[in-house]
Amino acid sequence: MMAQHLIKNIDFSKVIEMESLVDYQEGRVVSRTLAQGKSLSLTLFAFDKGEEISSHSSGGDAMVYLLDGEAEITVGEEKFNVKKGETIVMPAGIPHALLATEKFKMLLVVVFSL
């Protein structure tokens, strides 16, 4: 019997450049879910320049790691300029928003309390 895979939409036992798993599309935000569970979600995103996710809050701590490009990320009332190779954590229950000042790709990891 094969083991159930908890991670999806990605090849196993293969070295992969993560940013190649999502492609930019003009005027769009593209996402690819890698894992979705009660305690954790992993999602890749590609934002075209000027695209955004408006202010919202999450039930879990959300960590963004930029794989490419640049974004303006708002946490509460504070704005942060985040670039490729950088990360920021947006605490649970605090409103946050993302704006693509340049096109960018990110890995979003959200950890929920059980």
PDB file of N, CA and C in Angstrom:
ATOM      1  N   MET A   1       0.840  -1.184   0.000  1.00  0.00           N
ATOM      2  CA  MET A   1       0.000   0.000   0.000  1.00  0.00           C
ATOM      3  C   MET A   1       0.886   1.248   0.000  1.00  0.00           C
ATOM      4  N   MET A   2       0.552   2.202  -0.862  1.00  0.00           N
ATOM      5  CA  MET A   2       1.324   3.451  -0.943  1.00  0.00           C
ATOM      6  C   MET A   2       0.951   4.379   0.204  1.00  0.00           C
ATOM      7  N   ALA A   3       1.940   5.083   0.691  1.00  0.00           N
ATOM      8  CA  ALA A   3       1.696   6.063   1.745  1.00  0.00           C
ATOM      9  C   ALA A   3       0.922   7.242   1.163  1.00  0.00           C
ATOM     10  N   GLN A   4       0.072   7.837   1.975  1.00  0.00           N
ATOM     11  CA  GLN A   4      -0.673   9.020   1.547  1.00  0.00           C
ATOM     12  C   GLN A   4       0.274  10.214   1.541  1.00  0.00           C
ATOM     13  N   HIS A   5       0.286  10.941   0.433  1.00  0.00           N
ATOM     14  CA  HIS A   5       1.123  12.140   0.361  1.00  0.00           C
ATOM     15  C   HIS A   5       0.392  13.316   1.002  1.00  0.00           C
ATOM     16  N   LEU A   6       1.064  13.996   1.912  1.00  0.00           N
ATOM     17  CA  LEU A   6       0.500  15.168   2.575  1.00  0.00           C
ATOM     18  C   LEU A   6       0.823  16.437   1.802  1.00  0.00           C
ATOM     19  N   ILE A   7       1.866  16.371   0.978  1.00  0.00           N
ATOM     20  CA  ILE A   7       2.237  17.483   0.099  1.00  0.00           C
ATOM     21  C   ILE A   7       1.798  17.102  -1.305  1.00  0.00           C
ATOM     22  N   LYS A   8       1.223  18.066  -2.037  1.00  0.00           N
ATOM     23  CA  LYS A   8       0.690  17.774  -3.370  1.00  0.00           C
ATOM     24  C   LYS A   8       1.187  18.802  -4.387  1.00  0.00           C
ATOM     25  N   ASN A   9       0.911  18.535  -5.648  1.00  0.00           N
ATOM     26  CA  ASN A   9       1.223  19.458  -6.747  1.00  0.00           C
ATOM     27  C   ASN A   9       2.712  19.758  -6.885  1.00  0.00           C
ATOM     28  N   ILE A  10       3.549  18.778  -6.520  1.00  0.00           N
ATOM     29  CA  ILE A  10       5.001  18.913  -6.625  1.00  0.00           C
ATOM     30  C   ILE A  10       5.578  17.501  -6.755  1.00  0.00           C
ATOM     31  N   ASP A  11       6.643  17.361  -7.536  1.00  0.00           N
ATOM     32  CA  ASP A  11       7.277  16.056  -7.705  1.00  0.00           C
ATOM     33  C   ASP A  11       8.031  15.661  -6.438  1.00  0.00           C
ATOM     34  N   PHE A  12       7.966  14.386  -6.099  1.00  0.00           N
ATOM     35  CA  PHE A  12       8.700  13.860  -4.956  1.00  0.00           C
ATOM     36  C   PHE A  12      10.050  13.313  -5.420  1.00  0.00           C
ATOM     37  N   SER A  13      11.019  13.288  -4.506  1.00  0.00           N
ATOM     38  CA  SER A  13      12.351  12.728  -4.751  1.00  0.00           C
ATOM     39  C   SER A  13      12.985  13.332  -5.993  1.00  0.00           C
ATOM     40  N   LYS A  14      12.878  14.648  -6.123  1.00  0.00           N
ATOM     41  CA  LYS A  14      13.425  15.369  -7.270  1.00  0.00           C
ATOM     42  C   LYS A  14      13.796  16.777  -6.818  1.00  0.00           C
ATOM     43  N   VAL A  15      14.965  17.244  -7.227  1.00  0.00           N
ATOM     44  CA  VAL A  15      15.377  18.605  -6.899  1.00  0.00           C
ATOM     45  C   VAL A  15      14.647  19.562  -7.837  1.00  0.00           C
ATOM     46  N   ILE A  16      13.996  20.558  -7.255  1.00  0.00           N
ATOM     47  CA  ILE A  16      13.175  21.496  -8.026  1.00  0.00           C
ATOM     48  C   ILE A  16      13.504  22.919  -7.604  1.00  0.00           C
ATOM     49  N   GLU A  17      13.561  23.832  -8.574  1.00  0.00           N
ATOM     50  CA  GLU A  17      13.658  25.258  -8.264  1.00  0.00           C
ATOM     51  C   GLU A  17      12.240  25.732  -7.951  1.00  0.00           C
ATOM     52  N   MET A  18      11.984  26.062  -6.699  1.00  0.00           N
ATOM     53  CA  MET A  18      10.624  26.322  -6.246  1.00  0.00           C
ATOM     54  C   MET A  18       9.906  27.399  -7.056  1.00  0.00           C
ATOM     55  N   GLU A  19      10.633  28.466  -7.422  1.00  0.00           N
ATOM     56  CA  GLU A  19       9.946  29.550  -8.137  1.00  0.00           C
ATOM     57  C   GLU A  19       9.461  29.132  -9.523  1.00  0.00           C
ATOM     58  N   SER A  20       9.958  28.000 -10.042  1.00  0.00           N
ATOM     59  CA  SER A  20       9.501  27.526 -11.349  1.00  0.00           C
ATOM     60  C   SER A  20       8.126  26.859 -11.276  1.00  0.00           C
ATOM     61  N   LEU A  21       7.610  26.632 -10.075  1.00  0.00           N
ATOM     62  CA  LEU A  21       6.334  25.935  -9.912  1.00  0.00           C
ATOM     63  C   LEU A  21       5.107  26.832 -10.115  1.00  0.00           C
ATOM     64  N   VAL A  22       5.309  28.143 -10.161  1.00  0.00           N
ATOM     65  CA  VAL A  22       4.221  29.071 -10.497  1.00  0.00           C
ATOM     66  C   VAL A  22       4.735  30.046 -11.545  1.00  0.00           C
ATOM     67  N   ASP A  23       3.879  30.352 -12.520  1.00  0.00           N
ATOM     68  CA  ASP A  23       4.258  31.266 -13.601  1.00  0.00           C
ATOM     69  C   ASP A  23       3.484  32.566 -13.483  1.00  0.00           C
ATOM     70  N   TYR A  24       4.136  33.651 -13.899  1.00  0.00           N
ATOM     71  CA  TYR A  24       3.456  34.942 -13.953  1.00  0.00           C
ATOM     72  C   TYR A  24       2.414  34.919 -15.064  1.00  0.00           C
ATOM     73  N   GLN A  25       1.266  35.557 -14.794  1.00  0.00           N
ATOM     74  CA  GLN A  25       0.245  35.768 -15.819  1.00  0.00           C
ATOM     75  C   GLN A  25      -0.178  37.214 -15.750  1.00  0.00           C
ATOM     76  N   GLU A  26      -0.263  37.856 -16.909  1.00  0.00           N
ATOM     77  CA  GLU A  26      -0.572  39.278 -16.975  1.00  0.00           C
ATOM     78  C   GLU A  26      -1.899  39.584 -16.290  1.00  0.00           C
ATOM     79  N   GLY A  27      -1.851  40.549 -15.361  1.00  0.00           N
ATOM     80  CA  GLY A  27      -3.057  41.015 -14.685  1.00  0.00           C
ATOM     81  C   GLY A  27      -3.661  40.034 -13.695  1.00  0.00           C
ATOM     82  N   ARG A  28      -2.870  39.051 -13.251  1.00  0.00           N
ATOM     83  CA  ARG A  28      -3.428  38.016 -12.385  1.00  0.00           C
ATOM     84  C   ARG A  28      -2.553  37.701 -11.184  1.00  0.00           C
ATOM     85  N   VAL A  29      -3.189  37.094 -10.199  1.00  0.00           N
ATOM     86  CA  VAL A  29      -2.491  36.438  -9.090  1.00  0.00           C
ATOM     87  C   VAL A  29      -2.698  34.948  -9.306  1.00  0.00           C
ATOM     88  N   VAL A  30      -1.609  34.200  -9.429  1.00  0.00           N
ATOM     89  CA  VAL A  30      -1.667  32.762  -9.664  1.00  0.00           C
ATOM     90  C   VAL A  30      -1.227  32.056  -8.381  1.00  0.00           C
ATOM     91  N   SER A  31      -1.947  30.989  -8.002  1.00  0.00           N
ATOM     92  CA  SER A  31      -1.558  30.254  -6.792  1.00  0.00           C
ATOM     93  C   SER A  31      -1.489  28.768  -7.081  1.00  0.00           C
ATOM     94  N   ARG A  32      -0.665  28.083  -6.285  1.00  0.00           N
ATOM     95  CA  ARG A  32      -0.520  26.631  -6.367  1.00  0.00           C
ATOM     96  C   ARG A  32      -0.396  26.111  -4.938  1.00  0.00           C
ATOM     97  N   THR A  33      -1.400  25.376  -4.480  1.00  0.00           N
ATOM     98  CA  THR A  33      -1.406  24.836  -3.124  1.00  0.00           C
ATOM     99  C   THR A  33      -0.515  23.605  -3.060  1.00  0.00           C
ATOM    100  N   LEU A  34       0.402  23.590  -2.094  1.00  0.00           N
ATOM    101  CA  LEU A  34       1.291  22.446  -1.891  1.00  0.00           C
ATOM    102  C   LEU A  34       0.836  21.571  -0.720  1.00  0.00           C
ATOM    103  N   ALA A  35       0.207  22.174   0.271  1.00  0.00           N
ATOM    104  CA  ALA A  35      -0.324  21.424   1.412  1.00  0.00           C
ATOM    105  C   ALA A  35      -1.430  22.241   2.060  1.00  0.00           C
ATOM    106  N   GLN A  36      -2.476  21.537   2.492  1.00  0.00           N
ATOM    107  CA  GLN A  36      -3.591  22.211   3.160  1.00  0.00           C
ATOM    108  C   GLN A  36      -4.099  21.279   4.242  1.00  0.00           C
ATOM    109  N   GLY A  37      -3.960  21.709   5.492  1.00  0.00           N
ATOM    110  CA  GLY A  37      -4.410  20.883   6.601  1.00  0.00           C
ATOM    111  C   GLY A  37      -4.927  21.751   7.731  1.00  0.00           C
ATOM    112  N   LYS A  38      -5.314  21.091   8.828  1.00  0.00           N
ATOM    113  CA  LYS A  38      -5.852  21.834   9.975  1.00  0.00           C
ATOM    114  C   LYS A  38      -4.798  22.699  10.643  1.00  0.00           C
ATOM    115  N   SER A  39      -3.530  22.246  10.609  1.00  0.00           N
ATOM    116  CA  SER A  39      -2.490  22.965  11.344  1.00  0.00           C
ATOM    117  C   SER A  39      -1.527  23.742  10.451  1.00  0.00           C
ATOM    118  N   LEU A  40      -1.566  23.494   9.108  1.00  0.00           N
ATOM    119  CA  LEU A  40      -0.561  24.104   8.231  1.00  0.00           C
ATOM    120  C   LEU A  40      -1.078  24.208   6.806  1.00  0.00           C
ATOM    121  N   SER A  41      -0.757  25.318   6.142  1.00  0.00           N
ATOM    122  CA  SER A  41      -0.969  25.393   4.696  1.00  0.00           C
ATOM    123  C   SER A  41       0.291  25.952   4.046  1.00  0.00           C
ATOM    124  N   LEU A  42       0.624  25.409   2.872  1.00  0.00           N
ATOM    125  CA  LEU A  42       1.762  25.861   2.062  1.00  0.00           C
ATOM    126  C   LEU A  42       1.222  26.205   0.686  1.00  0.00           C
ATOM    127  N   THR A  43       1.426  27.446   0.245  1.00  0.00           N
ATOM    128  CA  THR A  43       0.929  27.871  -1.056  1.00  0.00           C
ATOM    129  C   THR A  43       1.953  28.740  -1.746  1.00  0.00           C
ATOM    130  N   LEU A  44       2.172  28.485  -3.032  1.00  0.00           N
ATOM    131  CA  LEU A  44       3.014  29.335  -3.865  1.00  0.00           C
ATOM    132  C   LEU A  44       2.126  30.326  -4.595  1.00  0.00           C
ATOM    133  N   PHE A  45       2.628  31.566  -4.743  1.00  0.00           N
ATOM    134  CA  PHE A  45       1.889  32.600  -5.469  1.00  0.00           C
ATOM    135  C   PHE A  45       2.809  33.304  -6.453  1.00  0.00           C
ATOM    136  N   ALA A  46       2.232  33.753  -7.566  1.00  0.00           N
ATOM    137  CA  ALA A  46       2.907  34.645  -8.518  1.00  0.00           C
ATOM    138  C   ALA A  46       1.971  35.825  -8.756  1.00  0.00           C
ATOM    139  N   PHE A  47       2.437  37.032  -8.452  1.00  0.00           N
ATOM    140  CA  PHE A  47       1.655  38.259  -8.610  1.00  0.00           C
ATOM    141  C   PHE A  47       2.216  39.062  -9.777  1.00  0.00           C
ATOM    142  N   ASP A  48       1.363  39.469 -10.699  1.00  0.00           N
ATOM    143  CA  ASP A  48       1.798  40.414 -11.719  1.00  0.00           C
ATOM    144  C   ASP A  48       1.922  41.789 -11.061  1.00  0.00           C
ATOM    145  N   LYS A  49       2.759  42.650 -11.635  1.00  0.00           N
ATOM    146  CA  LYS A  49       2.950  43.998 -11.086  1.00  0.00           C
ATOM    147  C   LYS A  49       1.611  44.715 -10.964  1.00  0.00           C
ATOM    148  N   GLY A  50       1.380  45.314  -9.797  1.00  0.00           N
ATOM    149  CA  GLY A  50       0.158  46.068  -9.554  1.00  0.00           C
ATOM    150  C   GLY A  50      -0.970  45.242  -8.948  1.00  0.00           C
ATOM    151  N   GLU A  51      -0.837  43.910  -8.958  1.00  0.00           N
ATOM    152  CA  GLU A  51      -1.862  43.059  -8.354  1.00  0.00           C
ATOM    153  C   GLU A  51      -1.725  43.086  -6.835  1.00  0.00           C
ATOM    154  N   GLU A  52      -2.821  42.796  -6.139  1.00  0.00           N
ATOM    155  CA  GLU A  52      -2.768  42.860  -4.677  1.00  0.00           C
ATOM    156  C   GLU A  52      -3.778  41.916  -4.045  1.00  0.00           C
ATOM    157  N   ILE A  53      -3.548  41.649  -2.778  1.00  0.00           N
ATOM    158  CA  ILE A  53      -4.534  41.005  -1.919  1.00  0.00           C
ATOM    159  C   ILE A  53      -4.854  42.055  -0.860  1.00  0.00           C
ATOM    160  N   SER A  54      -6.108  42.482  -0.816  1.00  0.00           N
ATOM    161  CA  SER A  54      -6.491  43.562   0.093  1.00  0.00           C
ATOM    162  C   SER A  54      -6.437  43.096   1.545  1.00  0.00           C
ATOM    163  N   SER A  55      -6.547  44.056   2.426  1.00  0.00           N
ATOM    164  CA  SER A  55      -6.384  43.806   3.856  1.00  0.00           C
ATOM    165  C   SER A  55      -7.366  42.750   4.365  1.00  0.00           C
ATOM    166  N   HIS A  56      -6.818  41.799   5.092  1.00  0.00           N
ATOM    167  CA  HIS A  56      -7.595  40.720   5.698  1.00  0.00           C
ATOM    168  C   HIS A  56      -6.785  40.181   6.873  1.00  0.00           C
ATOM    169  N   SER A  57      -7.387  39.351   7.691  1.00  0.00           N
ATOM    170  CA  SER A  57      -6.618  38.715   8.765  1.00  0.00           C
ATOM    171  C   SER A  57      -6.799  37.215   8.660  1.00  0.00           C
ATOM    172  N   SER A  58      -5.891  36.494   9.282  1.00  0.00           N
ATOM    173  CA  SER A  58      -5.866  35.038   9.218  1.00  0.00           C
ATOM    174  C   SER A  58      -5.980  34.467  10.616  1.00  0.00           C
ATOM    175  N   GLY A  59      -6.496  33.248  10.708  1.00  0.00           N
ATOM    176  CA  GLY A  59      -6.581  32.569  11.991  1.00  0.00           C
ATOM    177  C   GLY A  59      -5.267  31.943  12.424  1.00  0.00           C
ATOM    178  N   GLY A  60      -4.244  32.027  11.538  1.00  0.00           N
ATOM    179  CA  GLY A  60      -2.932  31.477  11.869  1.00  0.00           C
ATOM    180  C   GLY A  60      -1.838  32.483  11.590  1.00  0.00           C
ATOM    181  N   ASP A  61      -0.646  32.212  12.100  1.00  0.00           N
ATOM    182  CA  ASP A  61       0.522  33.034  11.777  1.00  0.00           C
ATOM    183  C   ASP A  61       0.916  32.745  10.335  1.00  0.00           C
ATOM    184  N   ALA A  62       1.069  33.793   9.536  1.00  0.00           N
ATOM    185  CA  ALA A  62       1.373  33.646   8.112  1.00  0.00           C
ATOM    186  C   ALA A  62       2.784  34.158   7.836  1.00  0.00           C
ATOM    187  N   MET A  63       3.625  33.294   7.266  1.00  0.00           N
ATOM    188  CA  MET A  63       4.993  33.672   6.914  1.00  0.00           C
ATOM    189  C   MET A  63       5.113  33.701   5.393  1.00  0.00           C
ATOM    190  N   VAL A  64       5.610  34.817   4.885  1.00  0.00           N
ATOM    191  CA  VAL A  64       5.833  34.991   3.451  1.00  0.00           C
ATOM    192  C   VAL A  64       7.331  34.963   3.197  1.00  0.00           C
ATOM    193  N   TYR A  65       7.743  34.170   2.209  1.00  0.00           N
ATOM    194  CA  TYR A  65       9.140  34.157   1.753  1.00  0.00           C
ATOM    195  C   TYR A  65       9.137  34.499   0.269  1.00  0.00           C
ATOM    196  N   LEU A  66       9.794  35.607  -0.100  1.00  0.00           N
ATOM    197  CA  LEU A  66       9.818  36.027  -1.503  1.00  0.00           C
ATOM    198  C   LEU A  66      10.856  35.239  -2.290  1.00  0.00           C
ATOM    199  N   LEU A  67      10.389  34.582  -3.346  1.00  0.00           N
ATOM    200  CA  LEU A  67      11.239  33.789  -4.230  1.00  0.00           C
ATOM    201  C   LEU A  67      11.758  34.625  -5.385  1.00  0.00           C
ATOM    202  N   ASP A  68      11.076  35.735  -5.686  1.00  0.00           N
ATOM    203  CA  ASP A  68      11.428  36.585  -6.816  1.00  0.00           C
ATOM    204  C   ASP A  68      10.725  37.923  -6.638  1.00  0.00           C
ATOM    205  N   GLY A  69      11.315  38.982  -7.166  1.00  0.00           N
ATOM    206  CA  GLY A  69      10.641  40.267  -7.237  1.00  0.00           C
ATOM    207  C   GLY A  69      10.612  41.053  -5.945  1.00  0.00           C
ATOM    208  N   GLU A  70       9.553  41.863  -5.820  1.00  0.00           N
ATOM    209  CA  GLU A  70       9.446  42.822  -4.713  1.00  0.00           C
ATOM    210  C   GLU A  70       7.975  43.097  -4.406  1.00  0.00           C
ATOM    211  N   ALA A  71       7.659  43.226  -3.116  1.00  0.00           N
ATOM    212  CA  ALA A  71       6.280  43.483  -2.692  1.00  0.00           C
ATOM    213  C   ALA A  71       6.255  44.483  -1.550  1.00  0.00           C
ATOM    214  N   GLU A  72       5.129  45.195  -1.471  1.00  0.00           N
ATOM    215  CA  GLU A  72       4.855  46.025  -0.299  1.00  0.00           C
ATOM    216  C   GLU A  72       3.850  45.247   0.536  1.00  0.00           C
ATOM    217  N   ILE A  73       4.270  44.897   1.748  1.00  0.00           N
ATOM    218  CA  ILE A  73       3.423  44.105   2.627  1.00  0.00           C
ATOM    219  C   ILE A  73       3.069  44.955   3.841  1.00  0.00           C
ATOM    220  N   THR A  74       1.769  45.080   4.082  1.00  0.00           N
ATOM    221  CA  THR A  74       1.274  45.862   5.211  1.00  0.00           C
ATOM    222  C   THR A  74       0.873  44.910   6.322  1.00  0.00           C
ATOM    223  N   VAL A  75       1.385  45.162   7.523  1.00  0.00           N
ATOM    224  CA  VAL A  75       1.016  44.392   8.705  1.00  0.00           C
ATOM    225  C   VAL A  75       0.498  45.395   9.724  1.00  0.00           C
ATOM    226  N   GLY A  76      -0.782  45.290  10.055  1.00  0.00           N
ATOM    227  CA  GLY A  76      -1.386  46.302  10.919  1.00  0.00           C
ATOM    228  C   GLY A  76      -1.346  47.639  10.198  1.00  0.00           C
ATOM    229  N   GLU A  77      -0.705  48.633  10.795  1.00  0.00           N
ATOM    230  CA  GLU A  77      -0.593  49.972  10.183  1.00  0.00           C
ATOM    231  C   GLU A  77       0.764  50.193   9.521  1.00  0.00           C
ATOM    232  N   GLU A  78       1.666  49.199   9.594  1.00  0.00           N
ATOM    233  CA  GLU A  78       3.039  49.372   9.131  1.00  0.00           C
ATOM    234  C   GLU A  78       3.263  48.729   7.761  1.00  0.00           C
ATOM    235  N   LYS A  79       3.959  49.465   6.870  1.00  0.00           N
ATOM    236  CA  LYS A  79       4.265  48.956   5.528  1.00  0.00           C
ATOM    237  C   LYS A  79       5.723  48.513   5.466  1.00  0.00           C
ATOM    238  N   PHE A  80       5.961  47.379   4.785  1.00  0.00           N
ATOM    239  CA  PHE A  80       7.307  46.833   4.638  1.00  0.00           C
ATOM    240  C   PHE A  80       7.583  46.586   3.160  1.00  0.00           C
ATOM    241  N   ASN A  81       8.784  46.947   2.714  1.00  0.00           N
ATOM    242  CA  ASN A  81       9.215  46.641   1.356  1.00  0.00           C
ATOM    243  C   ASN A  81      10.019  45.344   1.430  1.00  0.00           C
ATOM    244  N   VAL A  82       9.508  44.275   0.849  1.00  0.00           N
ATOM    245  CA  VAL A  82      10.126  42.957   0.965  1.00  0.00           C
ATOM    246  C   VAL A  82      10.626  42.537  -0.414  1.00  0.00           C
ATOM    247  N   LYS A  83      11.890  42.058  -0.471  1.00  0.00           N
ATOM    248  CA  LYS A  83      12.528  41.707  -1.741  1.00  0.00           C
ATOM    249  C   LYS A  83      12.892  40.225  -1.771  1.00  0.00           C
ATOM    250  N   LYS A  84      13.220  39.748  -2.973  1.00  0.00           N
ATOM    251  CA  LYS A  84      13.632  38.361  -3.182  1.00  0.00           C
ATOM    252  C   LYS A  84      14.628  37.934  -2.104  1.00  0.00           C
ATOM    253  N   GLY A  85      14.379  36.769  -1.512  1.00  0.00           N
ATOM    254  CA  GLY A  85      15.269  36.238  -0.485  1.00  0.00           C
ATOM    255  C   GLY A  85      14.920  36.678   0.923  1.00  0.00           C
ATOM    256  N   GLU A  86      13.932  37.575   1.057  1.00  0.00           N
ATOM    257  CA  GLU A  86      13.544  38.066   2.380  1.00  0.00           C
ATOM    258  C   GLU A  86      12.217  37.445   2.804  1.00  0.00           C
ATOM    259  N   THR A  87      11.969  37.490   4.109  1.00  0.00           N
ATOM    260  CA  THR A  87      10.741  36.921   4.662  1.00  0.00           C
ATOM    261  C   THR A  87      10.155  37.855   5.701  1.00  0.00           C
ATOM    262  N   ILE A  88       8.859  37.722   5.918  1.00  0.00           N
ATOM    263  CA  ILE A  88       8.178  38.483   6.967  1.00  0.00           C
ATOM    264  C   ILE A  88       7.059  37.613   7.513  1.00  0.00           C
ATOM    265  N   VAL A  89       6.798  37.741   8.824  1.00  0.00           N
ATOM    266  CA  VAL A  89       5.720  36.997   9.462  1.00  0.00           C
ATOM    267  C   VAL A  89       4.603  37.972   9.820  1.00  0.00           C
ATOM    268  N   MET A  90       3.392  37.582   9.440  1.00  0.00           N
ATOM    269  CA  MET A  90       2.200  38.376   9.730  1.00  0.00           C
ATOM    270  C   MET A  90       1.421  37.613  10.810  1.00  0.00           C
ATOM    271  N   PRO A  91       1.340  38.172  12.015  1.00  0.00           N
ATOM    272  CA  PRO A  91       0.730  37.434  13.130  1.00  0.00           C
ATOM    273  C   PRO A  91      -0.766  37.178  12.926  1.00  0.00           C
ATOM    274  N   ALA A  92      -1.231  36.073  13.480  1.00  0.00           N
ATOM    275  CA  ALA A  92      -2.658  35.734  13.445  1.00  0.00           C
ATOM    276  C   ALA A  92      -3.485  36.878  14.014  1.00  0.00           C
ATOM    277  N   GLY A  93      -4.628  37.137  13.386  1.00  0.00           N
ATOM    278  CA  GLY A  93      -5.567  38.125  13.911  1.00  0.00           C
ATOM    279  C   GLY A  93      -5.226  39.568  13.595  1.00  0.00           C
ATOM    280  N   ILE A  94      -4.059  39.833  13.004  1.00  0.00           N
ATOM    281  CA  ILE A  94      -3.656  41.202  12.658  1.00  0.00           C
ATOM    282  C   ILE A  94      -3.910  41.399  11.157  1.00  0.00           C
ATOM    283  N   PRO A  95      -4.662  42.432  10.772  1.00  0.00           N
ATOM    284  CA  PRO A  95      -4.909  42.650   9.340  1.00  0.00           C
ATOM    285  C   PRO A  95      -3.599  42.841   8.565  1.00  0.00           C
ATOM    286  N   HIS A  96      -3.549  42.257   7.368  1.00  0.00           N
ATOM    287  CA  HIS A  96      -2.376  42.411   6.513  1.00  0.00           C
ATOM    288  C   HIS A  96      -2.818  42.446   5.053  1.00  0.00           C
ATOM    289  N   ALA A  97      -1.956  43.011   4.212  1.00  0.00           N
ATOM    290  CA  ALA A  97      -2.251  43.139   2.786  1.00  0.00           C
ATOM    291  C   ALA A  97      -0.947  43.021   2.012  1.00  0.00           C
ATOM    292  N   LEU A  98      -1.054  42.647   0.714  1.00  0.00           N
ATOM    293  CA  LEU A  98       0.123  42.513  -0.152  1.00  0.00           C
ATOM    294  C   LEU A  98      -0.121  43.248  -1.452  1.00  0.00           C
ATOM    295  N   LEU A  99       0.887  43.985  -1.924  1.00  0.00           N
ATOM    296  CA  LEU A  99       0.824  44.715  -3.183  1.00  0.00           C
ATOM    297  C   LEU A  99       2.108  44.444  -3.955  1.00  0.00           C
ATOM    298  N   ALA A 100       1.956  44.073  -5.231  1.00  0.00           N
ATOM    299  CA  ALA A 100       3.116  43.802  -6.087  1.00  0.00           C
ATOM    300  C   ALA A 100       3.643  45.115  -6.655  1.00  0.00           C
ATOM    301  N   THR A 101       4.664  45.702  -5.995  1.00  0.00           N
ATOM    302  CA  THR A 101       5.294  46.913  -6.520  1.00  0.00           C
ATOM    303  C   THR A 101       6.089  46.565  -7.774  1.00  0.00           C
ATOM    304  N   GLU A 102       6.580  45.338  -7.848  1.00  0.00           N
ATOM    305  CA  GLU A 102       7.109  44.699  -9.053  1.00  0.00           C
ATOM    306  C   GLU A 102       6.452  43.329  -9.068  1.00  0.00           C
ATOM    307  N   LYS A 103       6.512  42.621 -10.204  1.00  0.00           N
ATOM    308  CA  LYS A 103       5.961  41.265 -10.147  1.00  0.00           C
ATOM    309  C   LYS A 103       6.786  40.462  -9.153  1.00  0.00           C
ATOM    310  N   PHE A 104       6.125  39.572  -8.413  1.00  0.00           N
ATOM    311  CA  PHE A 104       6.850  38.792  -7.422  1.00  0.00           C
ATOM    312  C   PHE A 104       6.223  37.416  -7.248  1.00  0.00           C
ATOM    313  N   LYS A 105       7.062  36.489  -6.738  1.00  0.00           N
ATOM    314  CA  LYS A 105       6.622  35.148  -6.382  1.00  0.00           C
ATOM    315  C   LYS A 105       6.932  34.936  -4.914  1.00  0.00           C
ATOM    316  N   MET A 106       6.038  34.196  -4.239  1.00  0.00           N
ATOM    317  CA  MET A 106       6.253  33.957  -2.815  1.00  0.00           C
ATOM    318  C   MET A 106       5.772  32.578  -2.417  1.00  0.00           C
ATOM    319  N   LEU A 107       6.367  32.084  -1.353  1.00  0.00           N
ATOM    320  CA  LEU A 107       5.873  30.905  -0.651  1.00  0.00           C
ATOM    321  C   LEU A 107       5.183  31.416   0.599  1.00  0.00           C
ATOM    322  N   LEU A 108       3.912  31.034   0.761  1.00  0.00           N
ATOM    323  CA  LEU A 108       3.149  31.408   1.948  1.00  0.00           C
ATOM    324  C   LEU A 108       2.998  30.169   2.824  1.00  0.00           C
ATOM    325  N   VAL A 109       3.452  30.291   4.070  1.00  0.00           N
ATOM    326  CA  VAL A 109       3.299  29.223   5.057  1.00  0.00           C
ATOM    327  C   VAL A 109       2.413  29.766   6.162  1.00  0.00           C
ATOM    328  N   VAL A 110       1.265  29.120   6.390  1.00  0.00           N
ATOM    329  CA  VAL A 110       0.383  29.541   7.474  1.00  0.00           C
ATOM    330  C   VAL A 110       0.296  28.401   8.487  1.00  0.00           C
ATOM    331  N   VAL A 111       0.576  28.749   9.755  1.00  0.00           N
ATOM    332  CA  VAL A 111       0.556  27.756  10.836  1.00  0.00           C
ATOM    333  C   VAL A 111      -0.625  28.115  11.751  1.00  0.00           C
ATOM    334  N   PHE A 112      -1.491  27.135  11.942  1.00  0.00           N
ATOM    335  CA  PHE A 112      -2.697  27.333  12.761  1.00  0.00           C
ATOM    336  C   PHE A 112      -2.568  26.588  14.080  1.00  0.00           C
ATOM    337  N   SER A 113      -3.201  27.141  15.098  1.00  0.00           N
ATOM    338  CA  SER A 113      -3.280  26.468  16.411  1.00  0.00           C
ATOM    339  C   SER A 113      -4.395  25.425  16.322  1.00  0.00           C
ATOM    340  N   LEU A 114      -4.173  24.290  16.933  1.00  0.00           N
ATOM    341  CA  LEU A 114      -5.216  23.245  16.917  1.00  0.00           C
ATOM    342  C   LEU A 114      -6.071  23.288  18.169  1.00  0.00           C
TER     343      LEU A 114
END
